[in-house]
Every structure is written in structure tokens, then in C-alpha cells.
PDB file of N, CA and C in Angstrom:
ATOM      1  N   MET A   1       0.893  -1.117   0.081  1.00  0.00           N
ATOM      2  CA  MET A   1      -0.032   0.022  -0.094  1.00  0.00           C
ATOM      3  C   MET A   1       1.019   1.242   0.043  1.00  0.00           C
ATOM      4  N   GLU A   2       0.492   2.308  -0.606  1.00  0.00           N
ATOM      5  CA  GLU A   2       1.153   3.455  -0.613  1.00  0.00           C
ATOM      6  C   GLU A   2       0.293   4.668  -0.135  1.00  0.00           C
ATOM      7  N   ILE A   3       0.841   5.585   0.627  1.00  0.00           N
ATOM      8  CA  ILE A   3       0.009   6.689   1.119  1.00  0.00           C
ATOM      9  C   ILE A   3       0.927   7.920   1.055  1.00  0.00           C
ATOM     10  N   THR A   4       0.447   8.989   0.460  1.00  0.00           N
ATOM     11  CA  THR A   4       1.203  10.260   0.403  1.00  0.00           C
ATOM     12  C   THR A   4       0.898  11.145   1.565  1.00  0.00           C
ATOM     13  N   VAL A   5       1.837  11.684   2.098  1.00  0.00           N
ATOM     14  CA  VAL A   5       1.674  12.582   3.299  1.00  0.00           C
ATOM     15  C   VAL A   5       2.549  13.815   3.211  1.00  0.00           C
ATOM     16  N   ASP A   6       2.083  14.839   4.053  1.00  0.00           N
ATOM     17  CA  ASP A   6       2.711  16.210   4.134  1.00  0.00           C
ATOM     18  C   ASP A   6       3.789  15.984   5.243  1.00  0.00           C
ATOM     19  N   ASN A   7       4.694  16.921   5.184  1.00  0.00           N
ATOM     20  CA  ASN A   7       5.619  17.342   6.191  1.00  0.00           C
ATOM     21  C   ASN A   7       7.016  16.595   6.275  1.00  0.00           C
ATOM     22  N   ILE A   8       7.116  15.573   5.368  1.00  0.00           N
ATOM     23  CA  ILE A   8       8.353  14.725   5.420  1.00  0.00           C
ATOM     24  C   ILE A   8       9.318  15.596   4.844  1.00  0.00           C
ATOM     25  N   LYS A   9      10.574  15.860   5.642  1.00  0.00           N
ATOM     26  CA  LYS A   9      11.586  16.674   5.250  1.00  0.00           C
ATOM     27  C   LYS A   9      12.959  16.081   4.984  1.00  0.00           C
ATOM     28  N   CYS A  10      13.196  15.006   5.785  1.00  0.00           N
ATOM     29  CA  CYS A  10      14.581  14.547   5.968  1.00  0.00           C
ATOM     30  C   CYS A  10      14.606  13.194   6.407  1.00  0.00           C
ATOM     31  N   GLY A  11      15.701  12.584   6.684  1.00  0.00           N
ATOM     32  CA  GLY A  11      16.014  11.253   7.013  1.00  0.00           C
ATOM     33  C   GLY A  11      15.556  11.053   8.475  1.00  0.00           C
ATOM     34  N   GLY A  12      15.585  12.130   9.249  1.00  0.00           N
ATOM     35  CA  GLY A  12      15.047  12.075  10.660  1.00  0.00           C
ATOM     36  C   GLY A  12      13.597  11.748  10.607  1.00  0.00           C
ATOM     37  N   CYS A  13      12.783  12.519   9.785  1.00  0.00           N
ATOM     38  CA  CYS A  13      11.288  12.154   9.559  1.00  0.00           C
ATOM     39  C   CYS A  13      11.218  10.717   9.202  1.00  0.00           C
ATOM     40  N   ALA A  14      11.861  10.216   8.070  1.00  0.00           N
ATOM     41  CA  ALA A  14      11.755   8.905   7.737  1.00  0.00           C
ATOM     42  C   ALA A  14      12.110   7.886   8.785  1.00  0.00           C
ATOM     43  N   GLY A  15      13.020   8.167   9.552  1.00  0.00           N
ATOM     44  CA  GLY A  15      13.400   7.246  10.698  1.00  0.00           C
ATOM     45  C   GLY A  15      12.324   7.048  11.667  1.00  0.00           C
ATOM     46  N   SER A  16      11.746   8.209  11.983  1.00  0.00           N
ATOM     47  CA  SER A  16      10.725   8.220  13.034  1.00  0.00           C
ATOM     48  C   SER A  16       9.379   7.342  12.434  1.00  0.00           C
ATOM     49  N   ILE A  17       9.124   7.731  11.297  1.00  0.00           N
ATOM     50  CA  ILE A  17       8.082   6.978  10.560  1.00  0.00           C
ATOM     51  C   ILE A  17       8.200   5.536  10.431  1.00  0.00           C
ATOM     52  N   THR A  18       9.372   5.082  10.108  1.00  0.00           N
ATOM     53  CA  THR A  18       9.710   3.702   9.785  1.00  0.00           C
ATOM     54  C   THR A  18       9.662   3.059  11.235  1.00  0.00           C
ATOM     55  N   LYS A  19      10.265   3.593  12.194  1.00  0.00           N
ATOM     56  CA  LYS A  19      10.333   2.940  13.590  1.00  0.00           C
ATOM     57  C   LYS A  19       8.995   2.787  14.096  1.00  0.00           C
ATOM     58  N   LYS A  20       8.067   3.778  14.059  1.00  0.00           N
ATOM     59  CA  LYS A  20       6.757   3.747  14.538  1.00  0.00           C
ATOM     60  C   LYS A  20       5.840   2.602  13.803  1.00  0.00           C
ATOM     61  N   LEU A  21       5.897   2.796  12.421  1.00  0.00           N
ATOM     62  CA  LEU A  21       5.168   1.897  11.656  1.00  0.00           C
ATOM     63  C   LEU A  21       5.580   0.395  11.814  1.00  0.00           C
ATOM     64  N   THR A  22       6.815   0.182  11.983  1.00  0.00           N
ATOM     65  CA  THR A  22       7.431  -1.216  12.156  1.00  0.00           C
ATOM     66  C   THR A  22       6.773  -1.862  13.542  1.00  0.00           C
ATOM     67  N   SER A  23       6.791  -0.897  14.609  1.00  0.00           N
ATOM     68  CA  SER A  23       6.520  -1.369  15.833  1.00  0.00           C
ATOM     69  C   SER A  23       4.938  -1.649  15.980  1.00  0.00           C
ATOM     70  N   ILE A  24       4.128  -0.829  15.234  1.00  0.00           N
ATOM     71  CA  ILE A  24       2.771  -0.979  15.247  1.00  0.00           C
ATOM     72  C   ILE A  24       2.228  -2.123  14.348  1.00  0.00           C
ATOM     73  N   PHE A  25       2.736  -2.139  13.071  1.00  0.00           N
ATOM     74  CA  PHE A  25       2.185  -3.067  12.107  1.00  0.00           C
ATOM     75  C   PHE A  25       2.911  -4.282  11.966  1.00  0.00           C
ATOM     76  N   ASP A  26       4.123  -4.319  12.739  1.00  0.00           N
ATOM     77  CA  ASP A  26       5.008  -5.665  12.742  1.00  0.00           C
ATOM     78  C   ASP A  26       5.336  -6.051  11.190  1.00  0.00           C
ATOM     79  N   THR A  27       5.919  -5.064  10.557  1.00  0.00           N
ATOM     80  CA  THR A  27       6.548  -5.266   9.288  1.00  0.00           C
ATOM     81  C   THR A  27       7.780  -4.374   9.163  1.00  0.00           C
ATOM     82  N   ASP A  28       8.577  -4.966   8.547  1.00  0.00           N
ATOM     83  CA  ASP A  28       9.915  -4.138   8.190  1.00  0.00           C
ATOM     84  C   ASP A  28       9.956  -3.859   6.655  1.00  0.00           C
ATOM     85  N   LYS A  29       8.869  -4.062   5.930  1.00  0.00           N
ATOM     86  CA  LYS A  29       8.830  -3.877   4.478  1.00  0.00           C
ATOM     87  C   LYS A  29       8.228  -2.482   4.350  1.00  0.00           C
ATOM     88  N   ILE A  30       8.986  -1.319   4.648  1.00  0.00           N
ATOM     89  CA  ILE A  30       8.576  -0.006   4.607  1.00  0.00           C
ATOM     90  C   ILE A  30       9.567   0.825   3.912  1.00  0.00           C
ATOM     91  N   ASP A  31       9.225   1.628   2.995  1.00  0.00           N
ATOM     92  CA  ASP A  31       9.885   2.497   2.383  1.00  0.00           C
ATOM     93  C   ASP A  31       9.340   4.020   2.287  1.00  0.00           C
ATOM     94  N   VAL A  32      10.234   4.893   2.651  1.00  0.00           N
ATOM     95  CA  VAL A  32       9.732   6.369   2.838  1.00  0.00           C
ATOM     96  C   VAL A  32      10.520   7.091   1.748  1.00  0.00           C
ATOM     97  N   ASN A  33       9.800   7.686   0.815  1.00  0.00           N
ATOM     98  CA  ASN A  33      10.435   8.518  -0.335  1.00  0.00           C
ATOM     99  C   ASN A  33      10.227   9.975   0.229  1.00  0.00           C
ATOM    100  N   ILE A  34      11.307  10.531   0.708  1.00  0.00           N
ATOM    101  CA  ILE A  34      11.434  11.803   1.273  1.00  0.00           C
ATOM    102  C   ILE A  34      11.029  12.914   0.167  1.00  0.00           C
ATOM    103  N   GLU A  35      11.459  12.771  -0.976  1.00  0.00           N
ATOM    104  CA  GLU A  35      11.208  13.919  -1.841  1.00  0.00           C
ATOM    105  C   GLU A  35       9.730  13.928  -2.323  1.00  0.00           C
ATOM    106  N   GLN A  36       9.198  12.897  -2.432  1.00  0.00           N
ATOM    107  CA  GLN A  36       7.622  12.608  -2.831  1.00  0.00           C
ATOM    108  C   GLN A  36       6.765  12.652  -1.840  1.00  0.00           C
ATOM    109  N   GLY A  37       7.108  12.361  -0.576  1.00  0.00           N
ATOM    110  CA  GLY A  37       6.349  12.295   0.635  1.00  0.00           C
ATOM    111  C   GLY A  37       5.441  11.042   0.506  1.00  0.00           C
ATOM    112  N   VAL A  38       5.942   9.983  -0.165  1.00  0.00           N
ATOM    113  CA  VAL A  38       5.288   8.732  -0.355  1.00  0.00           C
ATOM    114  C   VAL A  38       5.842   7.618   0.545  1.00  0.00           C
ATOM    115  N   ILE A  39       4.915   6.957   1.264  1.00  0.00           N
ATOM    116  CA  ILE A  39       5.261   5.898   2.172  1.00  0.00           C
ATOM    117  C   ILE A  39       4.636   4.563   1.550  1.00  0.00           C
ATOM    118  N   SER A  40       5.443   3.550   1.398  1.00  0.00           N
ATOM    119  CA  SER A  40       5.156   2.372   0.788  1.00  0.00           C
ATOM    120  C   SER A  40       5.223   1.324   2.051  1.00  0.00           C
ATOM    121  N   ILE A  41       4.217   0.559   2.242  1.00  0.00           N
ATOM    122  CA  ILE A  41       4.269  -0.340   3.355  1.00  0.00           C
ATOM    123  C   ILE A  41       3.419  -1.619   3.009  1.00  0.00           C
ATOM    124  N   ASP A  42       4.056  -2.708   3.360  1.00  0.00           N
ATOM    125  CA  ASP A  42       3.382  -3.983   3.079  1.00  0.00           C
ATOM    126  C   ASP A  42       2.405  -4.300   4.193  1.00  0.00           C
ATOM    127  N   LEU A  43       1.068  -3.961   3.671  1.00  0.00           N
ATOM    128  CA  LEU A  43      -0.055  -3.866   4.559  1.00  0.00           C
ATOM    129  C   LEU A  43      -1.157  -4.032   3.787  1.00  0.00           C
ATOM    130  N   ASP A  44      -2.217  -4.659   4.463  1.00  0.00           N
ATOM    131  CA  ASP A  44      -3.510  -4.905   3.689  1.00  0.00           C
ATOM    132  C   ASP A  44      -4.362  -3.499   3.550  1.00  0.00           C
ATOM    133  N   ASP A  45      -4.896  -3.333   2.565  1.00  0.00           N
ATOM    134  CA  ASP A  45      -5.655  -2.122   2.223  1.00  0.00           C
ATOM    135  C   ASP A  45      -6.695  -1.737   3.309  1.00  0.00           C
ATOM    136  N   SER A  46      -7.199  -2.834   4.047  1.00  0.00           N
ATOM    137  CA  SER A  46      -8.182  -2.654   5.080  1.00  0.00           C
ATOM    138  C   SER A  46      -7.691  -1.943   6.234  1.00  0.00           C
ATOM    139  N   LYS A  47      -6.276  -1.694   6.294  1.00  0.00           N
ATOM    140  CA  LYS A  47      -5.694  -1.042   7.588  1.00  0.00           C
ATOM    141  C   LYS A  47      -5.335   0.432   7.050  1.00  0.00           C
ATOM    142  N   LYS A  48      -5.789   0.862   5.924  1.00  0.00           N
ATOM    143  CA  LYS A  48      -5.481   2.250   5.545  1.00  0.00           C
ATOM    144  C   LYS A  48      -5.790   3.405   6.423  1.00  0.00           C
ATOM    145  N   ASP A  49      -7.045   3.221   7.002  1.00  0.00           N
ATOM    146  CA  ASP A  49      -7.543   4.265   8.003  1.00  0.00           C
ATOM    147  C   ASP A  49      -6.578   4.315   9.336  1.00  0.00           C
ATOM    148  N   GLU A  50      -6.317   3.038   9.755  1.00  0.00           N
ATOM    149  CA  GLU A  50      -5.307   2.871  10.894  1.00  0.00           C
ATOM    150  C   GLU A  50      -4.115   3.572  10.587  1.00  0.00           C
ATOM    151  N   LEU A  51      -3.526   3.312   9.485  1.00  0.00           N
ATOM    152  CA  LEU A  51      -2.149   3.692   9.014  1.00  0.00           C
ATOM    153  C   LEU A  51      -2.298   5.384   8.960  1.00  0.00           C
ATOM    154  N   ALA A  52      -3.320   5.809   8.361  1.00  0.00           N
ATOM    155  CA  ALA A  52      -3.432   7.314   8.228  1.00  0.00           C
ATOM    156  C   ALA A  52      -3.551   8.019   9.679  1.00  0.00           C
ATOM    157  N   LYS A  53      -4.204   7.344  10.557  1.00  0.00           N
ATOM    158  CA  LYS A  53      -4.213   7.887  11.914  1.00  0.00           C
ATOM    159  C   LYS A  53      -2.906   7.893  12.664  1.00  0.00           C
ATOM    160  N   VAL A  54      -2.159   6.802  12.546  1.00  0.00           N
ATOM    161  CA  VAL A  54      -0.902   6.712  13.053  1.00  0.00           C
ATOM    162  C   VAL A  54       0.175   7.802  12.459  1.00  0.00           C
ATOM    163  N   LEU A  55       0.015   7.983  11.239  1.00  0.00           N
ATOM    164  CA  LEU A  55       0.905   8.900  10.528  1.00  0.00           C
ATOM    165  C   LEU A  55       0.377  10.368  11.112  1.00  0.00           C
ATOM    166  N   LEU A  56      -0.760  10.674  11.172  1.00  0.00           N
ATOM    167  CA  LEU A  56      -1.337  11.894  11.573  1.00  0.00           C
ATOM    168  C   LEU A  56      -0.821  12.344  12.987  1.00  0.00           C
ATOM    169  N   ASP A  57      -0.989  11.267  13.973  1.00  0.00           N
ATOM    170  CA  ASP A  57      -0.490  11.426  15.238  1.00  0.00           C
ATOM    171  C   ASP A  57       1.066  11.691  15.248  1.00  0.00           C
ATOM    172  N   LEU A  58       1.799  11.260  14.299  1.00  0.00           N
ATOM    173  CA  LEU A  58       3.254  11.596  14.250  1.00  0.00           C
ATOM    174  C   LEU A  58       3.441  12.962  13.619  1.00  0.00           C
ATOM    175  N   GLY A  59       2.409  13.549  13.057  1.00  0.00           N
ATOM    176  CA  GLY A  59       2.574  14.809  12.297  1.00  0.00           C
ATOM    177  C   GLY A  59       2.755  14.740  10.771  1.00  0.00           C
ATOM    178  N   TYR A  60       2.382  13.618  10.344  1.00  0.00           N
ATOM    179  CA  TYR A  60       2.401  13.441   8.770  1.00  0.00           C
ATOM    180  C   TYR A  60       1.065  13.039   8.364  1.00  0.00           C
ATOM    181  N   PRO A  61       0.208  13.983   8.107  1.00  0.00           N
ATOM    182  CA  PRO A  61      -1.250  13.825   7.584  1.00  0.00           C
ATOM    183  C   PRO A  61      -1.219  13.382   6.245  1.00  0.00           C
ATOM    184  N   GLU A  62      -2.145  12.511   5.871  1.00  0.00           N
ATOM    185  CA  GLU A  62      -2.344  12.255   4.472  1.00  0.00           C
ATOM    186  C   GLU A  62      -2.538  13.543   3.643  1.00  0.00           C
ATOM    187  N   ILE A  63      -2.042  13.555   2.456  1.00  0.00           N
ATOM    188  CA  ILE A  63      -2.063  14.854   1.712  1.00  0.00           C
ATOM    189  C   ILE A  63      -3.619  15.233   1.545  1.00  0.00           C
ATOM    190  N   ASP A  64      -3.678  16.665   1.771  1.00  0.00           N
ATOM    191  CA  ASP A  64      -5.054  17.277   1.724  1.00  0.00           C
ATOM    192  C   ASP A  64      -6.134  16.761   2.676  1.00  0.00           C
ATOM    193  N   SER A  65      -5.673  16.289   3.834  1.00  0.00           N
ATOM    194  CA  SER A  65      -6.532  15.688   4.760  1.00  0.00           C
ATOM    195  C   SER A  65      -6.808  16.716   5.949  1.00  0.00           C
ATOM    196  N   VAL A  66      -5.884  17.432   6.121  1.00  0.00           N
ATOM    197  CA  VAL A  66      -6.003  18.414   7.238  1.00  0.00           C
ATOM    198  C   VAL A  66      -5.779  20.039   6.692  1.00  0.00           C
ATOM    199  N   GLN A  67      -6.598  20.935   7.345  1.00  0.00           N
ATOM    200  CA  GLN A  67      -6.368  22.342   6.937  1.00  0.00           C
ATOM    201  C   GLN A  67      -6.323  23.160   8.215  1.00  0.00           C
ATOM    202  N   GLY A  68      -5.938  24.456   7.912  1.00  0.00           N
ATOM    203  CA  GLY A  68      -5.846  25.461   8.927  1.00  0.00           C
ATOM    204  C   GLY A  68      -5.044  25.105  10.108  1.00  0.00           C
ATOM    205  N   PHE A  69      -5.745  25.141  11.376  1.00  0.00           N
ATOM    206  CA  PHE A  69      -5.036  24.911  12.624  1.00  0.00           C
ATOM    207  C   PHE A  69      -4.600  23.510  12.711  1.00  0.00           C
ATOM    208  N   ASP A  70      -5.428  22.612  12.344  1.00  0.00           N
ATOM    209  CA  ASP A  70      -4.911  21.082  12.347  1.00  0.00           C
ATOM    210  C   ASP A  70      -3.710  20.839  11.443  1.00  0.00           C
ATOM    211  N   SER A  71      -3.671  21.562  10.343  1.00  0.00           N
ATOM    212  CA  SER A  71      -2.426  21.613   9.484  1.00  0.00           C
ATOM    213  C   SER A  71      -1.087  22.106  10.319  1.00  0.00           C
ATOM    214  N   ALA A  72      -1.372  23.148  10.996  1.00  0.00           N
ATOM    215  CA  ALA A  72      -0.287  23.780  11.739  1.00  0.00           C
ATOM    216  C   ALA A  72       0.124  22.937  12.901  1.00  0.00           C
ATOM    217  N   LYS A  73      -0.897  22.332  13.531  1.00  0.00           N
ATOM    218  CA  LYS A  73      -0.593  21.295  14.591  1.00  0.00           C
ATOM    219  C   LYS A  73       0.185  20.128  14.259  1.00  0.00           C
ATOM    220  N   ALA A  74      -0.172  19.494  12.973  1.00  0.00           N
ATOM    221  CA  ALA A  74       0.391  18.400  12.378  1.00  0.00           C
ATOM    222  C   ALA A  74       1.933  18.914  12.232  1.00  0.00           C
ATOM    223  N   LYS A  75       2.157  19.996  11.612  1.00  0.00           N
ATOM    224  CA  LYS A  75       3.460  20.580  11.270  1.00  0.00           C
ATOM    225  C   LYS A  75       4.352  20.579  12.421  1.00  0.00           C
ATOM    226  N   ALA A  76       3.728  21.111  13.602  1.00  0.00           N
ATOM    227  CA  ALA A  76       4.573  21.088  14.772  1.00  0.00           C
ATOM    228  C   ALA A  76       4.954  19.738  15.234  1.00  0.00           C
ATOM    229  N   LYS A  77       4.020  18.777  15.172  1.00  0.00           N
ATOM    230  CA  LYS A  77       4.194  17.423  15.612  1.00  0.00           C
ATOM    231  C   LYS A  77       5.297  16.814  14.811  1.00  0.00           C
ATOM    232  N   SER A  78       5.356  17.190  13.363  1.00  0.00           N
ATOM    233  CA  SER A  78       6.163  16.509  12.564  1.00  0.00           C
ATOM    234  C   SER A  78       7.753  17.064  12.947  1.00  0.00           C
ATOM    235  N   PHE A  79       7.853  18.231  13.397  1.00  0.00           N
ATOM    236  CA  PHE A  79       9.151  18.825  13.895  1.00  0.00           C
ATOM    237  C   PHE A  79       9.793  17.992  15.040  1.00  0.00           C
ATOM    238  N   VAL A  80       8.929  17.651  15.962  1.00  0.00           N
ATOM    239  CA  VAL A  80       9.159  16.868  17.052  1.00  0.00           C
ATOM    240  C   VAL A  80       9.607  15.533  16.626  1.00  0.00           C
ATOM    241  N   SER A  81       8.874  14.884  15.871  1.00  0.00           N
ATOM    242  CA  SER A  81       9.055  13.458  15.132  1.00  0.00           C
ATOM    243  C   SER A  81      10.369  13.452  14.511  1.00  0.00           C
ATOM    244  N   CYS A  82      10.717  14.477  13.795  1.00  0.00           N
ATOM    245  CA  CYS A  82      11.840  14.698  12.994  1.00  0.00           C
ATOM    246  C   CYS A  82      13.135  14.674  13.910  1.00  0.00           C
ATOM    247  N   ALA A  83      13.072  15.526  14.903  1.00  0.00           N
ATOM    248  CA  ALA A  83      14.001  15.600  15.784  1.00  0.00           C
ATOM    249  C   ALA A  83      14.449  14.322  16.560  1.00  0.00           C
ATOM    250  N   ILE A  84      13.350  13.567  16.945  1.00  0.00           N
ATOM    251  CA  ILE A  84      13.483  12.378  17.599  1.00  0.00           C
ATOM    252  C   ILE A  84      14.196  11.323  16.706  1.00  0.00           C
ATOM    253  N   GLY A  85      13.755  11.356  15.430  1.00  0.00           N
ATOM    254  CA  GLY A  85      14.355  10.470  14.294  1.00  0.00           C
ATOM    255  C   GLY A  85      15.861  10.815  14.087  1.00  0.00           C
ATOM    256  N   LYS A  86      16.218  12.030  14.192  1.00  0.00           N
ATOM    257  CA  LYS A  86      17.658  12.463  14.085  1.00  0.00           C
ATOM    258  C   LYS A  86      18.364  11.952  15.286  1.00  0.00           C
ATOM    259  N   MET A  87      17.856  12.120  16.470  1.00  0.00           N
ATOM    260  CA  MET A  87      18.645  11.531  17.709  1.00  0.00           C
ATOM    261  C   MET A  87      18.696  10.050  17.781  1.00  0.00           C
ATOM    262  N   ASP A  88      17.722   9.317  17.195  1.00  0.00           N
ATOM    263  CA  ASP A  88      17.768   7.814  17.240  1.00  0.00           C
ATOM    264  C   ASP A  88      18.844   7.260  16.245  1.00  0.00           C
ATOM    265  N   LYS A  89      19.438   8.099  15.421  1.00  0.00           N
ATOM    266  CA  LYS A  89      20.347   7.463  14.396  1.00  0.00           C
ATOM    267  C   LYS A  89      21.633   7.099  14.969  1.00  0.00           C
TER     268      LYS A  89
END
């Protein structure tokens, strides 16, 4: 499955996303394309809503799914996730 999200900026973001998705969905078949904001994960399509919620909680909402204050809140969360991802390297 692929999902396109906002706010992915660097390897720190990708690291946080990969670590969280690996722990929740018990798969290591995850690819994060930083430039395009696309996350590919070996997951059944029935789990898409759950995947989108986990990503939103990290600060990486599905493209065009949040606006206004919610978008600003997601961006702030993504900075924290990014920083944690950079420290975990």
C-alpha cells in the first residue's frame, strides 16, 4: 500500500515514521520516499484508515486531509518526530 503525506523533510522524519510503523504493524517492509512524501508499506488495504491515523499522530497527515489549525498542529508534531528520528540515528 502507498500513502502520500505532508511534512516529510529529511532522514530524521523517515526514521521516526519507519520505527513507529514497524512497531505498530509488525512489518519491516517500509519505504519512505522523502522527496515525494510517499510511504510504501506491506500492509493490507483494510488497514489504511489505521495507518493514516498513526501518521497523523506523528505529524504526517495524508495529503489534503487537514487544513488550518490542524495543519499547523500536524506540522509542529512533525518537527518533534523529525528531531527524535535524528537523535535515534
